[in-house]
Amino acid sequence: MISSAMKAAAALWVNDYLDLYNYAGRIGDTAWQQEIVDILKQKDAYVSEAVRSSKLEELWTTFDSINRKMLELYRELRETNDSWVTERLKEQVRELKTERLTVSRKIKAEQA
């Protein structure tokens, strides 16, 4: 499903190409106009790729964020001598590993 933000981005993309089409017409470049028409005919493919790319970027950002949190927890584990705190930190690390695995699978699926 395409979000409203992606629909708006797609509309802007089309409008930009229509502006280029009109400009090409004003300068008499019919070859460029035809090239633009061919690109516009493939709008769905371009929009789908933009959606996929945006989703991948978001997943990688999430993956990186999880890794940063895990590194911080590992640092805290090295610095603590309290067994109760150690167990809480280890539980948080396990949860983050599970979350990271889920995100990794989504990344792999998007890249397939």
PDB file of N, CA and C in Angstrom:
ATOM      1  N   MET A   1       0.842  -1.178   0.000  1.00  0.00           N
ATOM      2  CA  MET A   1       0.000   0.000   0.000  1.00  0.00           C
ATOM      3  C   MET A   1       0.893   1.250   0.000  1.00  0.00           C
ATOM      4  N   ILE A   2       0.523   2.219  -0.795  1.00  0.00           N
ATOM      5  CA  ILE A   2       1.304   3.442  -0.910  1.00  0.00           C
ATOM      6  C   ILE A   2       0.727   4.478   0.052  1.00  0.00           C
ATOM      7  N   SER A   3       1.596   5.059   0.850  1.00  0.00           N
ATOM      8  CA  SER A   3       1.166   6.063   1.823  1.00  0.00           C
ATOM      9  C   SER A   3       0.800   7.363   1.113  1.00  0.00           C
ATOM     10  N   SER A   4       0.111   8.224   1.843  1.00  0.00           N
ATOM     11  CA  SER A   4      -0.266   9.509   1.261  1.00  0.00           C
ATOM     12  C   SER A   4       0.973  10.341   0.940  1.00  0.00           C
ATOM     13  N   ALA A   5       2.014  10.194   1.751  1.00  0.00           N
ATOM     14  CA  ALA A   5       3.263  10.913   1.474  1.00  0.00           C
ATOM     15  C   ALA A   5       3.874  10.445   0.160  1.00  0.00           C
ATOM     16  N   MET A   6       3.825   9.130  -0.069  1.00  0.00           N
ATOM     17  CA  MET A   6       4.385   8.606  -1.318  1.00  0.00           C
ATOM     18  C   MET A   6       3.520   9.022  -2.511  1.00  0.00           C
ATOM     19  N   LYS A   7       2.203   9.083  -2.320  1.00  0.00           N
ATOM     20  CA  LYS A   7       1.325   9.556  -3.403  1.00  0.00           C
ATOM     21  C   LYS A   7       1.640  11.003  -3.741  1.00  0.00           C
ATOM     22  N   ALA A   8       1.868  11.800  -2.707  1.00  0.00           N
ATOM     23  CA  ALA A   8       2.215  13.201  -2.926  1.00  0.00           C
ATOM     24  C   ALA A   8       3.556  13.316  -3.649  1.00  0.00           C
ATOM     25  N   ALA A   9       4.516  12.490  -3.249  1.00  0.00           N
ATOM     26  CA  ALA A   9       5.827  12.492  -3.911  1.00  0.00           C
ATOM     27  C   ALA A   9       5.690  12.074  -5.375  1.00  0.00           C
ATOM     28  N   ALA A  10       4.832  11.088  -5.625  1.00  0.00           N
ATOM     29  CA  ALA A  10       4.614  10.633  -7.004  1.00  0.00           C
ATOM     30  C   ALA A  10       3.977  11.749  -7.836  1.00  0.00           C
ATOM     31  N   ALA A  11       3.024  12.462  -7.239  1.00  0.00           N
ATOM     32  CA  ALA A  11       2.381  13.569  -7.950  1.00  0.00           C
ATOM     33  C   ALA A  11       3.391  14.662  -8.271  1.00  0.00           C
ATOM     34  N   LEU A  12       4.262  14.968  -7.328  1.00  0.00           N
ATOM     35  CA  LEU A  12       5.311  15.967  -7.582  1.00  0.00           C
ATOM     36  C   LEU A  12       6.243  15.512  -8.694  1.00  0.00           C
ATOM     37  N   TRP A  13       6.588  14.217  -8.670  1.00  0.00           N
ATOM     38  CA  TRP A  13       7.462  13.656  -9.697  1.00  0.00           C
ATOM     39  C   TRP A  13       6.827  13.834 -11.077  1.00  0.00           C
ATOM     40  N   VAL A  14       5.538  13.492 -11.182  1.00  0.00           N
ATOM     41  CA  VAL A  14       4.824  13.635 -12.460  1.00  0.00           C
ATOM     42  C   VAL A  14       4.785  15.109 -12.874  1.00  0.00           C
ATOM     43  N   ASN A  15       4.470  15.988 -11.928  1.00  0.00           N
ATOM     44  CA  ASN A  15       4.409  17.413 -12.250  1.00  0.00           C
ATOM     45  C   ASN A  15       5.754  17.941 -12.742  1.00  0.00           C
ATOM     46  N   ASP A  16       6.826  17.493 -12.128  1.00  0.00           N
ATOM     47  CA  ASP A  16       8.159  17.914 -12.570  1.00  0.00           C
ATOM     48  C   ASP A  16       8.419  17.479 -14.012  1.00  0.00           C
ATOM     49  N   TYR A  17       8.040  16.233 -14.314  1.00  0.00           N
ATOM     50  CA  TYR A  17       8.249  15.757 -15.678  1.00  0.00           C
ATOM     51  C   TYR A  17       7.339  16.460 -16.681  1.00  0.00           C
ATOM     52  N   LEU A  18       6.122  16.791 -16.258  1.00  0.00           N
ATOM     53  CA  LEU A  18       5.241  17.546 -17.154  1.00  0.00           C
ATOM     54  C   LEU A  18       5.806  18.942 -17.411  1.00  0.00           C
ATOM     55  N   ASP A  19       6.400  19.552 -16.394  1.00  0.00           N
ATOM     56  CA  ASP A  19       7.058  20.857 -16.583  1.00  0.00           C
ATOM     57  C   ASP A  19       8.206  20.720 -17.589  1.00  0.00           C
ATOM     58  N   LEU A  20       8.991  19.655 -17.447  1.00  0.00           N
ATOM     59  CA  LEU A  20      10.081  19.425 -18.396  1.00  0.00           C
ATOM     60  C   LEU A  20       9.536  19.199 -19.811  1.00  0.00           C
ATOM     61  N   TYR A  21       8.438  18.451 -19.902  1.00  0.00           N
ATOM     62  CA  TYR A  21       7.801  18.191 -21.200  1.00  0.00           C
ATOM     63  C   TYR A  21       7.395  19.516 -21.858  1.00  0.00           C
ATOM     64  N   ASN A  22       6.751  20.370 -21.076  1.00  0.00           N
ATOM     65  CA  ASN A  22       6.325  21.675 -21.603  1.00  0.00           C
ATOM     66  C   ASN A  22       7.517  22.524 -22.014  1.00  0.00           C
ATOM     67  N   TYR A  23       8.573  22.502 -21.211  1.00  0.00           N
ATOM     68  CA  TYR A  23       9.772  23.262 -21.551  1.00  0.00           C
ATOM     69  C   TYR A  23      10.391  22.739 -22.851  1.00  0.00           C
ATOM     70  N   ALA A  24      10.454  21.403 -22.960  1.00  0.00           N
ATOM     71  CA  ALA A  24      11.000  20.805 -24.187  1.00  0.00           C
ATOM     72  C   ALA A  24      10.179  21.238 -25.404  1.00  0.00           C
ATOM     73  N   GLY A  25       8.854  21.328 -25.214  1.00  0.00           N
ATOM     74  CA  GLY A  25       8.003  21.797 -26.305  1.00  0.00           C
ATOM     75  C   GLY A  25       8.280  23.249 -26.667  1.00  0.00           C
ATOM     76  N   ARG A  26       8.487  24.089 -25.648  1.00  0.00           N
ATOM     77  CA  ARG A  26       8.755  25.515 -25.907  1.00  0.00           C
ATOM     78  C   ARG A  26      10.069  25.708 -26.666  1.00  0.00           C
ATOM     79  N   ILE A  27      11.043  24.852 -26.401  1.00  0.00           N
ATOM     80  CA  ILE A  27      12.331  25.024 -27.105  1.00  0.00           C
ATOM     81  C   ILE A  27      12.388  24.184 -28.387  1.00  0.00           C
ATOM     82  N   GLY A  28      11.290  23.462 -28.665  1.00  0.00           N
ATOM     83  CA  GLY A  28      11.201  22.709 -29.912  1.00  0.00           C
ATOM     84  C   GLY A  28      11.962  21.396 -29.925  1.00  0.00           C
ATOM     85  N   ASP A  29      12.254  20.831 -28.776  1.00  0.00           N
ATOM     86  CA  ASP A  29      13.008  19.576 -28.692  1.00  0.00           C
ATOM     87  C   ASP A  29      12.035  18.400 -28.591  1.00  0.00           C
ATOM     88  N   THR A  30      11.566  17.946 -29.762  1.00  0.00           N
ATOM     89  CA  THR A  30      10.566  16.866 -29.779  1.00  0.00           C
ATOM     90  C   THR A  30      11.158  15.523 -29.339  1.00  0.00           C
ATOM     91  N   ALA A  31      12.431  15.312 -29.569  1.00  0.00           N
ATOM     92  CA  ALA A  31      13.064  14.064 -29.125  1.00  0.00           C
ATOM     93  C   ALA A  31      13.045  13.981 -27.601  1.00  0.00           C
ATOM     94  N   TRP A  32      13.350  15.101 -26.954  1.00  0.00           N
ATOM     95  CA  TRP A  32      13.335  15.147 -25.490  1.00  0.00           C
ATOM     96  C   TRP A  32      11.905  14.948 -24.976  1.00  0.00           C
ATOM     97  N   GLN A  33      10.933  15.561 -25.679  1.00  0.00           N
ATOM     98  CA  GLN A  33       9.537  15.380 -25.290  1.00  0.00           C
ATOM     99  C   GLN A  33       9.163  13.897 -25.337  1.00  0.00           C
ATOM    100  N   GLN A  34       9.581  13.205 -26.386  1.00  0.00           N
ATOM    101  CA  GLN A  34       9.252  11.783 -26.513  1.00  0.00           C
ATOM    102  C   GLN A  34       9.919  10.971 -25.406  1.00  0.00           C
ATOM    103  N   GLU A  35      11.145  11.344 -25.080  1.00  0.00           N
ATOM    104  CA  GLU A  35      11.860  10.670 -23.989  1.00  0.00           C
ATOM    105  C   GLU A  35      11.095  10.840 -22.669  1.00  0.00           C
ATOM    106  N   ILE A  36      10.600  12.032 -22.445  1.00  0.00           N
ATOM    107  CA  ILE A  36       9.837  12.315 -21.227  1.00  0.00           C
ATOM    108  C   ILE A  36       8.530  11.524 -21.209  1.00  0.00           C
ATOM    109  N   VAL A  37       7.867  11.433 -22.353  1.00  0.00           N
ATOM    110  CA  VAL A  37       6.631  10.638 -22.448  1.00  0.00           C
ATOM    111  C   VAL A  37       6.924   9.183 -22.116  1.00  0.00           C
ATOM    112  N   ASP A  38       8.032   8.657 -22.629  1.00  0.00           N
ATOM    113  CA  ASP A  38       8.408   7.268 -22.340  1.00  0.00           C
ATOM    114  C   ASP A  38       8.653   7.064 -20.844  1.00  0.00           C
ATOM    115  N   ILE A  39       9.294   8.028 -20.214  1.00  0.00           N
ATOM    116  CA  ILE A  39       9.544   7.946 -18.768  1.00  0.00           C
ATOM    117  C   ILE A  39       8.226   7.996 -18.007  1.00  0.00           C
ATOM    118  N   LEU A  40       7.334   8.894 -18.423  1.00  0.00           N
ATOM    119  CA  LEU A  40       6.045   9.015 -17.737  1.00  0.00           C
ATOM    120  C   LEU A  40       5.205   7.735 -17.870  1.00  0.00           C
ATOM    121  N   LYS A  41       5.361   7.030 -18.971  1.00  0.00           N
ATOM    122  CA  LYS A  41       4.638   5.762 -19.152  1.00  0.00           C
ATOM    123  C   LYS A  41       5.105   4.714 -18.148  1.00  0.00           C
ATOM    124  N   GLN A  42       6.317   4.896 -17.622  1.00  0.00           N
ATOM    125  CA  GLN A  42       6.875   3.951 -16.650  1.00  0.00           C
ATOM    126  C   GLN A  42       6.756   4.479 -15.223  1.00  0.00           C
ATOM    127  N   LYS A  43       5.833   5.412 -15.018  1.00  0.00           N
ATOM    128  CA  LYS A  43       5.666   6.053 -13.714  1.00  0.00           C
ATOM    129  C   LYS A  43       5.526   5.043 -12.585  1.00  0.00           C
ATOM    130  N   ASP A  44       4.693   4.047 -12.768  1.00  0.00           N
ATOM    131  CA  ASP A  44       4.455   3.069 -11.702  1.00  0.00           C
ATOM    132  C   ASP A  44       5.739   2.368 -11.282  1.00  0.00           C
ATOM    133  N   ALA A  45       6.576   2.032 -12.255  1.00  0.00           N
ATOM    134  CA  ALA A  45       7.846   1.376 -11.935  1.00  0.00           C
ATOM    135  C   ALA A  45       8.760   2.327 -11.157  1.00  0.00           C
ATOM    136  N   TYR A  46       8.807   3.586 -11.574  1.00  0.00           N
ATOM    137  CA  TYR A  46       9.636   4.565 -10.883  1.00  0.00           C
ATOM    138  C   TYR A  46       9.139   4.793  -9.450  1.00  0.00           C
ATOM    139  N   VAL A  47       7.821   4.898  -9.298  1.00  0.00           N
ATOM    140  CA  VAL A  47       7.243   5.121  -7.966  1.00  0.00           C
ATOM    141  C   VAL A  47       7.478   3.900  -7.082  1.00  0.00           C
ATOM    142  N   SER A  48       7.291   2.707  -7.632  1.00  0.00           N
ATOM    143  CA  SER A  48       7.531   1.482  -6.866  1.00  0.00           C
ATOM    144  C   SER A  48       8.974   1.402  -6.389  1.00  0.00           C
ATOM    145  N   GLU A  49       9.893   1.767  -7.255  1.00  0.00           N
ATOM    146  CA  GLU A  49      11.307   1.749  -6.878  1.00  0.00           C
ATOM    147  C   GLU A  49      11.592   2.784  -5.797  1.00  0.00           C
ATOM    148  N   ALA A  50      10.971   3.942  -5.904  1.00  0.00           N
ATOM    149  CA  ALA A  50      11.156   4.980  -4.883  1.00  0.00           C
ATOM    150  C   ALA A  50      10.604   4.526  -3.537  1.00  0.00           C
ATOM    151  N   VAL A  51       9.446   3.850  -3.560  1.00  0.00           N
ATOM    152  CA  VAL A  51       8.850   3.327  -2.327  1.00  0.00           C
ATOM    153  C   VAL A  51       9.769   2.280  -1.717  1.00  0.00           C
ATOM    154  N   ARG A  52      10.254   1.363  -2.545  1.00  0.00           N
ATOM    155  CA  ARG A  52      11.147   0.307  -2.072  1.00  0.00           C
ATOM    156  C   ARG A  52      12.436   0.893  -1.497  1.00  0.00           C
ATOM    157  N   SER A  53      12.979   1.860  -2.183  1.00  0.00           N
ATOM    158  CA  SER A  53      14.211   2.498  -1.736  1.00  0.00           C
ATOM    159  C   SER A  53      14.001   3.224  -0.400  1.00  0.00           C
ATOM    160  N   SER A  54      12.898   3.913  -0.287  1.00  0.00           N
ATOM    161  CA  SER A  54      12.584   4.623   0.954  1.00  0.00           C
ATOM    162  C   SER A  54      12.390   3.649   2.115  1.00  0.00           C
ATOM    163  N   LYS A  55      11.703   2.554   1.830  1.00  0.00           N
ATOM    164  CA  LYS A  55      11.474   1.537   2.856  1.00  0.00           C
ATOM    165  C   LYS A  55      12.796   0.914   3.311  1.00  0.00           C
ATOM    166  N   LEU A  56      13.672   0.625   2.352  1.00  0.00           N
ATOM    167  CA  LEU A  56      14.985   0.069   2.686  1.00  0.00           C
ATOM    168  C   LEU A  56      15.800   1.037   3.539  1.00  0.00           C
ATOM    169  N   GLU A  57      15.773   2.300   3.179  1.00  0.00           N
ATOM    170  CA  GLU A  57      16.511   3.306   3.939  1.00  0.00           C
ATOM    171  C   GLU A  57      15.991   3.368   5.379  1.00  0.00           C
ATOM    172  N   GLU A  58      14.676   3.304   5.520  1.00  0.00           N
ATOM    173  CA  GLU A  58      14.072   3.318   6.852  1.00  0.00           C
ATOM    174  C   GLU A  58      14.470   2.080   7.662  1.00  0.00           C
ATOM    175  N   LEU A  59      14.482   0.923   7.003  1.00  0.00           N
ATOM    176  CA  LEU A  59      14.878  -0.316   7.685  1.00  0.00           C
ATOM    177  C   LEU A  59      16.340  -0.262   8.125  1.00  0.00           C
ATOM    178  N   TRP A  60      17.212   0.242   7.253  1.00  0.00           N
ATOM    179  CA  TRP A  60      18.627   0.341   7.613  1.00  0.00           C
ATOM    180  C   TRP A  60      18.840   1.325   8.764  1.00  0.00           C
ATOM    181  N   THR A  61      18.069   2.394   8.786  1.00  0.00           N
ATOM    182  CA  THR A  61      18.150   3.347   9.891  1.00  0.00           C
ATOM    183  C   THR A  61      17.749   2.671  11.196  1.00  0.00           C
ATOM    184  N   THR A  62      16.687   1.887  11.144  1.00  0.00           N
ATOM    185  CA  THR A  62      16.239   1.144  12.326  1.00  0.00           C
ATOM    186  C   THR A  62      17.305   0.150  12.759  1.00  0.00           C
ATOM    187  N   PHE A  63      17.885  -0.570  11.806  1.00  0.00           N
ATOM    188  CA  PHE A  63      18.936  -1.546  12.095  1.00  0.00           C
ATOM    189  C   PHE A  63      20.114  -0.874  12.802  1.00  0.00           C
ATOM    190  N   ASP A  64      20.545   0.274  12.260  1.00  0.00           N
ATOM    191  CA  ASP A  64      21.663   1.006  12.862  1.00  0.00           C
ATOM    192  C   ASP A  64      21.329   1.484  14.271  1.00  0.00           C
ATOM    193  N   SER A  65      20.119   1.927  14.464  1.00  0.00           N
ATOM    194  CA  SER A  65      19.682   2.388  15.780  1.00  0.00           C
ATOM    195  C   SER A  65      19.714   1.246  16.797  1.00  0.00           C
ATOM    196  N   ILE A  66      19.259   0.093  16.391  1.00  0.00           N
ATOM    197  CA  ILE A  66      19.292  -1.087  17.272  1.00  0.00           C
ATOM    198  C   ILE A  66      20.731  -1.418  17.639  1.00  0.00           C
ATOM    199  N   ASN A  67      21.617  -1.396  16.665  1.00  0.00           N
ATOM    200  CA  ASN A  67      23.033  -1.688  16.934  1.00  0.00           C
ATOM    201  C   ASN A  67      23.637  -0.694  17.920  1.00  0.00           C
ATOM    202  N   ARG A  68      23.299   0.585  17.766  1.00  0.00           N
ATOM    203  CA  ARG A  68      23.821   1.586  18.696  1.00  0.00           C
ATOM    204  C   ARG A  68      23.314   1.318  20.121  1.00  0.00           C
ATOM    205  N   LYS A  69      22.040   0.963  20.236  1.00  0.00           N
ATOM    206  CA  LYS A  69      21.479   0.645  21.554  1.00  0.00           C
ATOM    207  C   LYS A  69      22.175  -0.574  22.159  1.00  0.00           C
ATOM    208  N   MET A  70      22.427  -1.571  21.330  1.00  0.00           N
ATOM    209  CA  MET A  70      23.105  -2.776  21.820  1.00  0.00           C
ATOM    210  C   MET A  70      24.517  -2.457  22.294  1.00  0.00           C
ATOM    211  N   LEU A  71      25.223  -1.647  21.549  1.00  0.00           N
ATOM    212  CA  LEU A  71      26.578  -1.264  21.960  1.00  0.00           C
ATOM    213  C   LEU A  71      26.558  -0.547  23.304  1.00  0.00           C
ATOM    214  N   GLU A  72      25.595   0.318  23.484  1.00  0.00           N
ATOM    215  CA  GLU A  72      25.471   1.025  24.761  1.00  0.00           C
ATOM    216  C   GLU A  72      25.175   0.041  25.895  1.00  0.00           C
ATOM    217  N   LEU A  73      24.306  -0.923  25.653  1.00  0.00           N
ATOM    218  CA  LEU A  73      24.000  -1.926  26.685  1.00  0.00           C
ATOM    219  C   LEU A  73      25.226  -2.776  27.007  1.00  0.00           C
ATOM    220  N   TYR A  74      25.979  -3.155  25.995  1.00  0.00           N
ATOM    221  CA  TYR A  74      27.208  -3.932  26.238  1.00  0.00           C
ATOM    222  C   TYR A  74      28.214  -3.115  27.067  1.00  0.00           C
ATOM    223  N   ARG A  75      28.289  -1.819  26.762  1.00  0.00           N
ATOM    224  CA  ARG A  75      29.172  -0.958  27.553  1.00  0.00           C
ATOM    225  C   ARG A  75      28.721  -0.941  29.015  1.00  0.00           C
ATOM    226  N   GLU A  76      27.427  -0.819  29.215  1.00  0.00           N
ATOM    227  CA  GLU A  76      26.887  -0.823  30.582  1.00  0.00           C
ATOM    228  C   GLU A  76      27.146  -2.166  31.269  1.00  0.00           C
ATOM    229  N   LEU A  77      27.041  -3.250  30.511  1.00  0.00           N
ATOM    230  CA  LEU A  77      27.314  -4.576  31.089  1.00  0.00           C
ATOM    231  C   LEU A  77      28.753  -4.683  31.582  1.00  0.00           C
ATOM    232  N   ARG A  78      29.690  -4.158  30.804  1.00  0.00           N
ATOM    233  CA  ARG A  78      31.099  -4.204  31.209  1.00  0.00           C
ATOM    234  C   ARG A  78      31.356  -3.397  32.481  1.00  0.00           C
ATOM    235  N   GLU A  79      30.564  -2.351  32.668  1.00  0.00           N
ATOM    236  CA  GLU A  79      30.819  -1.434  33.786  1.00  0.00           C
ATOM    237  C   GLU A  79      30.086  -1.794  35.074  1.00  0.00           C
ATOM    238  N   THR A  80      29.125  -2.716  35.015  1.00  0.00           N
ATOM    239  CA  THR A  80      28.349  -3.004  36.219  1.00  0.00           C
ATOM    240  C   THR A  80      28.835  -4.271  36.913  1.00  0.00           C
ATOM    241  N   ASN A  81      28.674  -4.280  38.215  1.00  0.00           N
ATOM    242  CA  ASN A  81      28.984  -5.461  39.021  1.00  0.00           C
ATOM    243  C   ASN A  81      27.730  -5.992  39.711  1.00  0.00           C
ATOM    244  N   ASP A  82      26.618  -5.330  39.484  1.00  0.00           N
ATOM    245  CA  ASP A  82      25.345  -5.685  40.108  1.00  0.00           C
ATOM    246  C   ASP A  82      24.672  -6.786  39.279  1.00  0.00           C
ATOM    247  N   SER A  83      24.419  -7.943  39.903  1.00  0.00           N
ATOM    248  CA  SER A  83      23.849  -9.082  39.173  1.00  0.00           C
ATOM    249  C   SER A  83      22.428  -8.799  38.688  1.00  0.00           C
ATOM    250  N   TRP A  84      21.646  -8.050  39.461  1.00  0.00           N
ATOM    251  CA  TRP A  84      20.284  -7.725  39.047  1.00  0.00           C
ATOM    252  C   TRP A  84      20.319  -6.841  37.796  1.00  0.00           C
ATOM    253  N   VAL A  85      21.173  -5.826  37.798  1.00  0.00           N
ATOM    254  CA  VAL A  85      21.336  -4.930  36.647  1.00  0.00           C
ATOM    255  C   VAL A  85      21.844  -5.720  35.448  1.00  0.00           C
ATOM    256  N   THR A  86      22.787  -6.618  35.682  1.00  0.00           N
ATOM    257  CA  THR A  86      23.336  -7.445  34.610  1.00  0.00           C
ATOM    258  C   THR A  86      22.239  -8.255  33.929  1.00  0.00           C
ATOM    259  N   GLU A  87      21.361  -8.853  34.702  1.00  0.00           N
ATOM    260  CA  GLU A  87      20.264  -9.643  34.128  1.00  0.00           C
ATOM    261  C   GLU A  87      19.308  -8.773  33.331  1.00  0.00           C
ATOM    262  N   ARG A  88      18.990  -7.591  33.837  1.00  0.00           N
ATOM    263  CA  ARG A  88      18.099  -6.673  33.110  1.00  0.00           C
ATOM    264  C   ARG A  88      18.738  -6.261  31.775  1.00  0.00           C
ATOM    265  N   LEU A  89      20.012  -5.954  31.825  1.00  0.00           N
ATOM    266  CA  LEU A  89      20.714  -5.547  30.609  1.00  0.00           C
ATOM    267  C   LEU A  89      20.776  -6.687  29.588  1.00  0.00           C
ATOM    268  N   LYS A  90      21.037  -7.895  30.077  1.00  0.00           N
ATOM    269  CA  LYS A  90      21.088  -9.052  29.176  1.00  0.00           C
ATOM    270  C   LYS A  90      19.724  -9.295  28.537  1.00  0.00           C
ATOM    271  N   GLU A  91      18.658  -9.094  29.289  1.00  0.00           N
ATOM    272  CA  GLU A  91      17.306  -9.261  28.748  1.00  0.00           C
ATOM    273  C   GLU A  91      17.039  -8.220  27.659  1.00  0.00           C
ATOM    274  N   GLN A  92      17.471  -7.004  27.902  1.00  0.00           N
ATOM    275  CA  GLN A  92      17.310  -5.953  26.889  1.00  0.00           C
ATOM    276  C   GLN A  92      18.098  -6.282  25.622  1.00  0.00           C
ATOM    277  N   VAL A  93      19.290  -6.828  25.812  1.00  0.00           N
ATOM    278  CA  VAL A  93      20.110  -7.214  24.655  1.00  0.00           C
ATOM    279  C   VAL A  93      19.409  -8.320  23.865  1.00  0.00           C
ATOM    280  N   ARG A  94      18.854  -9.313  24.570  1.00  0.00           N
ATOM    281  CA  ARG A  94      18.131 -10.398  23.882  1.00  0.00           C
ATOM    282  C   ARG A  94      16.949  -9.856  23.082  1.00  0.00           C
ATOM    283  N   GLU A  95      16.215  -8.928  23.660  1.00  0.00           N
ATOM    284  CA  GLU A  95      15.082  -8.322  22.952  1.00  0.00           C
ATOM    285  C   GLU A  95      15.543  -7.570  21.713  1.00  0.00           C
ATOM    286  N   LEU A  96      16.638  -6.838  21.851  1.00  0.00           N
ATOM    287  CA  LEU A  96      17.165  -6.099  20.709  1.00  0.00           C
ATOM    288  C   LEU A  96      17.688  -7.035  19.626  1.00  0.00           C
ATOM    289  N   LYS A  97      18.279  -8.152  20.016  1.00  0.00           N
ATOM    290  CA  LYS A  97      18.755  -9.129  19.023  1.00  0.00           C
ATOM    291  C   LYS A  97      17.580  -9.678  18.228  1.00  0.00           C
ATOM    292  N   THR A  98      16.479  -9.949  18.920  1.00  0.00           N
ATOM    293  CA  THR A  98      15.277 -10.446  18.243  1.00  0.00           C
ATOM    294  C   THR A  98      14.737  -9.384  17.285  1.00  0.00           C
ATOM    295  N   GLU A  99      14.685  -8.162  17.752  1.00  0.00           N
ATOM    296  CA  GLU A  99      14.210  -7.063  16.912  1.00  0.00           C
ATOM    297  C   GLU A  99      15.124  -6.865  15.707  1.00  0.00           C
ATOM    298  N   ARG A 100      16.422  -6.952  15.931  1.00  0.00           N
ATOM    299  CA  ARG A 100      17.390  -6.793  14.837  1.00  0.00           C
ATOM    300  C   ARG A 100      17.237  -7.906  13.805  1.00  0.00           C
ATOM    301  N   LEU A 101      16.988  -9.122  14.276  1.00  0.00           N
ATOM    302  CA  LEU A 101      16.776 -10.240  13.361  1.00  0.00           C
ATOM    303  C   LEU A 101      15.535 -10.007  12.495  1.00  0.00           C
ATOM    304  N   THR A 102      14.476  -9.501  13.114  1.00  0.00           N
ATOM    305  CA  THR A 102      13.257  -9.201  12.363  1.00  0.00           C
ATOM    306  C   THR A 102      13.522  -8.152  11.296  1.00  0.00           C
ATOM    307  N   VAL A 103      14.236  -7.103  11.671  1.00  0.00           N
ATOM    308  CA  VAL A 103      14.564  -6.042  10.712  1.00  0.00           C
ATOM    309  C   VAL A 103      15.473  -6.584   9.614  1.00  0.00           C
ATOM    310  N   SER A 104      16.427  -7.426   9.974  1.00  0.00           N
ATOM    311  CA  SER A 104      17.327  -8.030   8.976  1.00  0.00           C
ATOM    312  C   SER A 104      16.549  -8.834   7.946  1.00  0.00           C
ATOM    313  N   ARG A 105      15.575  -9.577   8.409  1.00  0.00           N
ATOM    314  CA  ARG A 105      14.743 -10.370   7.480  1.00  0.00           C
ATOM    315  C   ARG A 105      13.952  -9.467   6.538  1.00  0.00           C
ATOM    316  N   LYS A 106      13.446  -8.366   7.074  1.00  0.00           N
ATOM    317  CA  LYS A 106      12.707  -7.420   6.229  1.00  0.00           C
ATOM    318  C   LYS A 106      13.635  -6.796   5.191  1.00  0.00           C
ATOM    319  N   ILE A 107      14.857  -6.467   5.598  1.00  0.00           N
ATOM    320  CA  ILE A 107      15.829  -5.902   4.660  1.00  0.00           C
ATOM    321  C   ILE A 107      16.121  -6.906   3.550  1.00  0.00           C
ATOM    322  N   LYS A 108      16.361  -8.155   3.946  1.00  0.00           N
ATOM    323  CA  LYS A 108      16.661  -9.200   2.973  1.00  0.00           C
ATOM    324  C   LYS A 108      15.491  -9.374   1.992  1.00  0.00           C
ATOM    325  N   ALA A 109      14.265  -9.349   2.523  1.00  0.00           N
ATOM    326  CA  ALA A 109      13.082  -9.502   1.669  1.00  0.00           C
ATOM    327  C   ALA A 109      12.956  -8.339   0.687  1.00  0.00           C
ATOM    328  N   GLU A 110      13.251  -7.134   1.137  1.00  0.00           N
ATOM    329  CA  GLU A 110      13.165  -5.950   0.255  1.00  0.00           C
ATOM    330  C   GLU A 110      14.239  -5.978  -0.825  1.00  0.00           C
ATOM    331  N   GLN A 111      15.380  -6.559  -0.501  1.00  0.00           N
ATOM    332  CA  GLN A 111      16.487  -6.592  -1.467  1.00  0.00           C
ATOM    333  C   GLN A 111      16.369  -7.736  -2.459  1.00  0.00           C
ATOM    334  N   ALA A 112      15.483  -8.663  -2.186  1.00  0.00           N
ATOM    335  CA  ALA A 112      15.331  -9.837  -3.066  1.00  0.00           C
ATOM    336  C   ALA A 112      14.661  -9.475  -4.370  1.00  0.00           C
TER     337      ALA A 112
END
